[in-house]
Structure formats: C-alpha cells, structure tokens
Amino acid sequence: GDGAVWIADQIEHCFGSQGAYLVDFYHLSEYLAEAAASCSSDTDAWLEQRQAELKANRSAKVLEALLPHLEAPATADAQAPVRKAYRYLNNRREQVDYAGAIRQGRPIGSGEIESAHRFVVQARLKKPGAWWAAENVDPMLALRVTRLNGGWNEYWQNFSACKAA
C-alpha cells in the first residue's frame, strides 16, 4: 500500500498475524527521487543505491544518507523533499521488508492492484454507451470479480442449489 496508516490498521484488524503489510516500493522510491536532487549531483546513481539498500532491508543506511541533507526546520514541508522522504521512511520502517517479500516471491509494488480497476471495473462499466443504475454496480462488479477469480461455475452451482431449495 501507499503507507496510509488506516490501511496498515485494517490489515492488522482483519488478518492479525496472518496478514502482512508492505509499503509500495515504487511509492517510497518517489519520495527518494524527489530528495535525490538535494542529496547528490548524480541523482540516478544516488537513487539506485538507496533502492538497492531498501531491497536488502538496509533502511537505516537510507536514513543515514538522507540525514545530512535534511532541510532547516523553518523550511515548509512543500519545499523540504529530504525531510518528507526521511519522515516517510522512518515512520514506516516496520513495513519495508522488501528482501523478505522478494524471497517469498511476493510483489513489492502495488501496481498490479492499482491498475486492476482498468481491467475489472472500467472494462465492464465504462463501455461506450453503457450506463448503470447505482444499485446494480456493486452486484455487477461482484460477479465480474467472481468470474475473474475463477469462481464462476461454483457461484452458479451454488445459486442453482439455493433456488432449488
């Protein structure tokens, strides 16, 4: 996820110890990319080094690299990309186990989830000339998700059994 506290709280609430929350690697990289210009004249190399450190679970090294470049406290957050990156990472250090995710074959970015709306929602609901009554949208999307997740036949078997009863 994007690091929002409420998302991590929901993972904990809904899944407890069976859930795992990982801050999106590319989202964190955006913060670091904004900070890079203040930290190095070779922004690409600096960013690649920080990303490698993150993937090796060395977030402390990334924080150390940011620390000497922190803006003055009087600088507004809008003009303080290093401070924003430092604070963002420091507040989420427990949520950046990228090495563990990579080792387990899990994605470290949320791109698959974030782009799914185009293939799941928009592909069905935004067809040219289509319109939907609000009360039909959620049931239609539930059916679409069921189909895309491979549960289509089982759904209709259960549906038929319920109607027969």
C-alpha atoms as a PDB file:
ATOM      1  CA  GLY A   1       0.000   0.000   0.000  1.00  0.00           C
ATOM      2  CA  ASP A   2       0.913   3.654  -0.119  1.00  0.00           C
ATOM      3  CA  GLY A   3       1.792   3.844   3.563  1.00  0.00           C
ATOM      4  CA  ALA A   4      -1.531   5.210   4.805  1.00  0.00           C
ATOM      5  CA  VAL A   5      -1.881   4.318   8.476  1.00  0.00           C
ATOM      6  CA  TRP A   6      -5.509   3.267   8.085  1.00  0.00           C
ATOM      7  CA  ILE A   7      -4.576   0.607   5.504  1.00  0.00           C
ATOM      8  CA  ALA A   8      -1.998  -0.989   7.793  1.00  0.00           C
ATOM      9  CA  ASP A   9      -4.526  -0.819  10.640  1.00  0.00           C
ATOM     10  CA  GLN A  10      -7.131  -2.618   8.509  1.00  0.00           C
ATOM     11  CA  ILE A  11      -4.667  -5.368   7.595  1.00  0.00           C
ATOM     12  CA  GLU A  12      -3.941  -5.874  11.288  1.00  0.00           C
ATOM     13  CA  HIS A  13      -7.628  -5.738  12.235  1.00  0.00           C
ATOM     14  CA  CYS A  14      -8.828  -8.108   9.513  1.00  0.00           C
ATOM     15  CA  PHE A  15      -5.955 -10.575   9.302  1.00  0.00           C
ATOM     16  CA  GLY A  16      -3.965 -10.262  12.539  1.00  0.00           C
ATOM     17  CA  SER A  17      -0.727 -12.230  12.459  1.00  0.00           C
ATOM     18  CA  GLN A  18      -1.706 -13.859   9.149  1.00  0.00           C
ATOM     19  CA  GLY A  19      -1.582 -10.518   7.345  1.00  0.00           C
ATOM     20  CA  ALA A  20       1.446  -8.653   6.112  1.00  0.00           C
ATOM     21  CA  TYR A  21       1.601  -5.031   5.052  1.00  0.00           C
ATOM     22  CA  LEU A  22       4.324  -3.743   2.790  1.00  0.00           C
ATOM     23  CA  VAL A  23       4.778  -0.126   1.728  1.00  0.00           C
ATOM     24  CA  ASP A  24       4.786   0.048  -2.051  1.00  0.00           C
ATOM     25  CA  PHE A  25       8.447   0.112  -3.171  1.00  0.00           C
ATOM     26  CA  TYR A  26       7.762   2.468  -6.054  1.00  0.00           C
ATOM     27  CA  HIS A  27       5.785   4.850  -3.865  1.00  0.00           C
ATOM     28  CA  LEU A  28       8.697   5.060  -1.420  1.00  0.00           C
ATOM     29  CA  SER A  29      11.056   5.446  -4.383  1.00  0.00           C
ATOM     30  CA  GLU A  30       9.075   8.517  -5.486  1.00  0.00           C
ATOM     31  CA  TYR A  31       9.861  10.172  -2.155  1.00  0.00           C
ATOM     32  CA  LEU A  32      13.535   9.303  -2.543  1.00  0.00           C
ATOM     33  CA  ALA A  33      13.621  10.528  -6.147  1.00  0.00           C
ATOM     34  CA  GLU A  34      12.316  13.912  -5.031  1.00  0.00           C
ATOM     35  CA  ALA A  35      15.005  14.052  -2.350  1.00  0.00           C
ATOM     36  CA  ALA A  36      17.824  12.908  -4.647  1.00  0.00           C
ATOM     37  CA  ALA A  37      18.499  16.331  -6.185  1.00  0.00           C
ATOM     38  CA  SER A  38      19.228  17.720  -2.724  1.00  0.00           C
ATOM     39  CA  CYS A  39      21.475  14.796  -1.816  1.00  0.00           C
ATOM     40  CA  SER A  40      23.675  14.248  -4.857  1.00  0.00           C
ATOM     41  CA  SER A  41      24.692  15.716  -8.193  1.00  0.00           C
ATOM     42  CA  ASP A  42      24.285  12.223  -9.686  1.00  0.00           C
ATOM     43  CA  THR A  43      20.634  11.733  -8.792  1.00  0.00           C
ATOM     44  CA  ASP A  44      20.195   8.494 -10.743  1.00  0.00           C
ATOM     45  CA  ALA A  45      23.139   6.746  -9.081  1.00  0.00           C
ATOM     46  CA  TRP A  46      22.115   8.050  -5.652  1.00  0.00           C
ATOM     47  CA  LEU A  47      18.548   6.777  -6.101  1.00  0.00           C
ATOM     48  CA  GLU A  48      19.688   3.383  -7.410  1.00  0.00           C
ATOM     49  CA  GLN A  49      21.956   2.980  -4.383  1.00  0.00           C
ATOM     50  CA  ARG A  50      19.131   3.808  -1.982  1.00  0.00           C
ATOM     51  CA  GLN A  51      16.783   1.394  -3.776  1.00  0.00           C
ATOM     52  CA  ALA A  52      19.388  -1.378  -3.552  1.00  0.00           C
ATOM     53  CA  GLU A  53      19.746  -0.687   0.171  1.00  0.00           C
ATOM     54  CA  LEU A  54      15.968  -0.888   0.613  1.00  0.00           C
ATOM     55  CA  LYS A  55      15.795  -4.194  -1.259  1.00  0.00           C
ATOM     56  CA  ALA A  56      18.498  -5.518   1.088  1.00  0.00           C
ATOM     57  CA  ASN A  57      16.484  -4.348   4.142  1.00  0.00           C
ATOM     58  CA  ARG A  58      19.034  -1.672   4.997  1.00  0.00           C
ATOM     59  CA  SER A  59      16.581   1.166   5.595  1.00  0.00           C
ATOM     60  CA  ALA A  60      18.893   2.523   8.313  1.00  0.00           C
ATOM     61  CA  LYS A  61      21.502   3.163   5.595  1.00  0.00           C
ATOM     62  CA  VAL A  62      18.927   5.066   3.550  1.00  0.00           C
ATOM     63  CA  LEU A  63      18.033   7.193   6.560  1.00  0.00           C
ATOM     64  CA  GLU A  64      21.740   7.847   7.185  1.00  0.00           C
ATOM     65  CA  ALA A  65      22.131   9.012   3.579  1.00  0.00           C
ATOM     66  CA  LEU A  66      19.232  11.444   3.968  1.00  0.00           C
ATOM     67  CA  LEU A  67      20.165  12.806   7.400  1.00  0.00           C
ATOM     68  CA  PRO A  68      22.979  15.228   6.408  1.00  0.00           C
ATOM     69  CA  HIS A  69      20.729  16.822   3.805  1.00  0.00           C
ATOM     70  CA  LEU A  70      17.663  17.482   5.948  1.00  0.00           C
ATOM     71  CA  GLU A  71      16.250  20.935   5.375  1.00  0.00           C
ATOM     72  CA  ALA A  72      16.129  23.515   8.147  1.00  0.00           C
ATOM     73  CA  PRO A  73      13.124  23.175  10.489  1.00  0.00           C
ATOM     74  CA  ALA A  74      11.822  26.546   9.302  1.00  0.00           C
ATOM     75  CA  THR A  75      11.548  25.235   5.728  1.00  0.00           C
ATOM     76  CA  ALA A  76       7.971  24.418   4.784  1.00  0.00           C
ATOM     77  CA  ASP A  77       7.267  20.748   4.032  1.00  0.00           C
ATOM     78  CA  ALA A  78       6.350  21.640   0.456  1.00  0.00           C
ATOM     79  CA  GLN A  79       9.967  22.779  -0.052  1.00  0.00           C
ATOM     80  CA  ALA A  80      11.564  20.001   2.018  1.00  0.00           C
ATOM     81  CA  PRO A  81      11.722  16.798  -0.060  1.00  0.00           C
ATOM     82  CA  VAL A  82      14.540  15.293   2.018  1.00  0.00           C
ATOM     83  CA  ARG A  83      12.644  15.780   5.266  1.00  0.00           C
ATOM     84  CA  LYS A  84       9.498  14.316   3.700  1.00  0.00           C
ATOM     85  CA  ALA A  85      11.385  11.247   2.474  1.00  0.00           C
ATOM     86  CA  TYR A  86      13.144  10.823   5.824  1.00  0.00           C
ATOM     87  CA  ARG A  87       9.907  11.107   7.802  1.00  0.00           C
ATOM     88  CA  TYR A  88       8.008   8.826   5.421  1.00  0.00           C
ATOM     89  CA  LEU A  89      10.586   6.041   5.666  1.00  0.00           C
ATOM     90  CA  ASN A  90      11.346   6.492   9.363  1.00  0.00           C
ATOM     91  CA  ASN A  91       7.644   6.210  10.255  1.00  0.00           C
ATOM     92  CA  ARG A  92       7.258   3.003   8.222  1.00  0.00           C
ATOM     93  CA  ARG A  93      10.456   1.069   8.904  1.00  0.00           C
ATOM     94  CA  GLU A  94       8.475  -1.974  10.040  1.00  0.00           C
ATOM     95  CA  GLN A  95       6.686  -2.036   6.686  1.00  0.00           C
ATOM     96  CA  VAL A  96       9.608  -2.215   4.262  1.00  0.00           C
ATOM     97  CA  ASP A  97      10.690  -5.867   4.400  1.00  0.00           C
ATOM     98  CA  TYR A  98      11.394  -5.950   0.681  1.00  0.00           C
ATOM     99  CA  ALA A  99      14.069  -8.657   0.997  1.00  0.00           C
ATOM    100  CA  GLY A 100      11.563 -10.935   2.711  1.00  0.00           C
ATOM    101  CA  ALA A 101       8.886 -10.256   0.111  1.00  0.00           C
ATOM    102  CA  ILE A 102      11.293 -10.888  -2.756  1.00  0.00           C
ATOM    103  CA  ARG A 103      12.497 -14.108  -1.109  1.00  0.00           C
ATOM    104  CA  GLN A 104       8.868 -15.291  -0.809  1.00  0.00           C
ATOM    105  CA  GLY A 105       8.047 -14.357  -4.393  1.00  0.00           C
ATOM    106  CA  ARG A 106       5.617 -11.621  -3.380  1.00  0.00           C
ATOM    107  CA  PRO A 107       5.361  -8.336  -5.266  1.00  0.00           C
ATOM    108  CA  ILE A 108       6.960  -5.280  -3.675  1.00  0.00           C
ATOM    109  CA  GLY A 109       4.852  -2.843  -5.656  1.00  0.00           C
ATOM    110  CA  SER A 110       1.113  -2.301  -5.726  1.00  0.00           C
ATOM    111  CA  GLY A 111       0.921  -1.630  -9.462  1.00  0.00           C
ATOM    112  CA  GLU A 112      -0.984  -4.855 -10.137  1.00  0.00           C
ATOM    113  CA  ILE A 113      -3.681  -3.905  -7.679  1.00  0.00           C
ATOM    114  CA  GLU A 114      -3.800  -0.239  -8.570  1.00  0.00           C
ATOM    115  CA  SER A 115      -4.131  -0.933 -12.288  1.00  0.00           C
ATOM    116  CA  ALA A 116      -6.730  -3.687 -11.841  1.00  0.00           C
ATOM    117  CA  HIS A 117      -9.507  -1.086 -11.913  1.00  0.00           C
ATOM    118  CA  ARG A 118      -8.942  -0.717 -15.664  1.00  0.00           C
ATOM    119  CA  PHE A 119      -9.451  -4.414 -16.330  1.00  0.00           C
ATOM    120  CA  VAL A 120     -12.031  -5.255 -13.685  1.00  0.00           C
ATOM    121  CA  VAL A 121     -14.134  -2.132 -13.222  1.00  0.00           C
ATOM    122  CA  GLN A 122     -13.698   0.138 -16.200  1.00  0.00           C
ATOM    123  CA  ALA A 123     -13.627  -2.611 -18.834  1.00  0.00           C
ATOM    124  CA  ARG A 124     -17.164  -3.564 -17.801  1.00  0.00           C
ATOM    125  CA  LEU A 125     -18.739  -0.366 -16.560  1.00  0.00           C
ATOM    126  CA  LYS A 126     -17.302   2.165 -18.977  1.00  0.00           C
ATOM    127  CA  LYS A 127     -18.221   0.598 -22.287  1.00  0.00           C
ATOM    128  CA  PRO A 128     -19.281   3.135 -24.916  1.00  0.00           C
ATOM    129  CA  GLY A 129     -22.964   3.938 -24.479  1.00  0.00           C
ATOM    130  CA  ALA A 130     -23.265   1.968 -21.236  1.00  0.00           C
ATOM    131  CA  TRP A 131     -24.994   3.394 -18.188  1.00  0.00           C
ATOM    132  CA  TRP A 132     -25.745   1.816 -14.853  1.00  0.00           C
ATOM    133  CA  ALA A 133     -28.273   2.298 -12.096  1.00  0.00           C
ATOM    134  CA  ALA A 134     -26.310   2.817  -8.890  1.00  0.00           C
ATOM    135  CA  GLU A 135     -27.909  -0.187  -7.174  1.00  0.00           C
ATOM    136  CA  ASN A 136     -26.671  -2.515  -9.955  1.00  0.00           C
ATOM    137  CA  VAL A 137     -22.994  -1.520  -9.891  1.00  0.00           C
ATOM    138  CA  ASP A 138     -21.864  -3.481  -6.817  1.00  0.00           C
ATOM    139  CA  PRO A 139     -23.667  -6.714  -7.808  1.00  0.00           C
ATOM    140  CA  MET A 140     -22.224  -6.483 -11.344  1.00  0.00           C
ATOM    141  CA  LEU A 141     -18.701  -5.935 -10.020  1.00  0.00           C
ATOM    142  CA  ALA A 142     -19.098  -8.812  -7.550  1.00  0.00           C
ATOM    143  CA  LEU A 143     -19.994 -11.107 -10.452  1.00  0.00           C
ATOM    144  CA  ARG A 144     -17.085  -9.815 -12.524  1.00  0.00           C
ATOM    145  CA  VAL A 145     -14.601 -10.374  -9.690  1.00  0.00           C
ATOM    146  CA  THR A 146     -16.032 -13.858  -9.098  1.00  0.00           C
ATOM    147  CA  ARG A 147     -15.538 -14.690 -12.767  1.00  0.00           C
ATOM    148  CA  LEU A 148     -12.007 -13.255 -12.945  1.00  0.00           C
ATOM    149  CA  ASN A 149     -11.034 -15.162  -9.789  1.00  0.00           C
ATOM    150  CA  GLY A 150     -12.131 -18.451 -11.352  1.00  0.00           C
ATOM    151  CA  GLY A 151     -15.235 -18.966  -9.220  1.00  0.00           C
ATOM    152  CA  TRP A 152     -17.864 -18.522 -11.943  1.00  0.00           C
ATOM    153  CA  ASN A 153     -19.051 -22.133 -12.230  1.00  0.00           C
ATOM    154  CA  GLU A 154     -19.081 -22.679  -8.471  1.00  0.00           C
ATOM    155  CA  TYR A 155     -21.097 -19.488  -7.998  1.00  0.00           C
ATOM    156  CA  TRP A 156     -23.790 -20.606 -10.421  1.00  0.00           C
ATOM    157  CA  GLN A 157     -23.891 -24.130  -8.981  1.00  0.00           C
ATOM    158  CA  ASN A 158     -24.494 -22.642  -5.530  1.00  0.00           C
ATOM    159  CA  PHE A 159     -27.017 -20.208  -6.967  1.00  0.00           C
ATOM    160  CA  SER A 160     -28.945 -23.057  -8.650  1.00  0.00           C
ATOM    161  CA  ALA A 161     -28.871 -25.130  -5.465  1.00  0.00           C
ATOM    162  CA  CYS A 162     -30.258 -22.216  -3.457  1.00  0.00           C
ATOM    163  CA  LYS A 163     -33.067 -21.616  -5.982  1.00  0.00           C
ATOM    164  CA  ALA A 164     -33.966 -25.295  -5.984  1.00  0.00           C
ATOM    165  CA  ALA A 165     -34.208 -25.317  -2.208  1.00  0.00           C
END
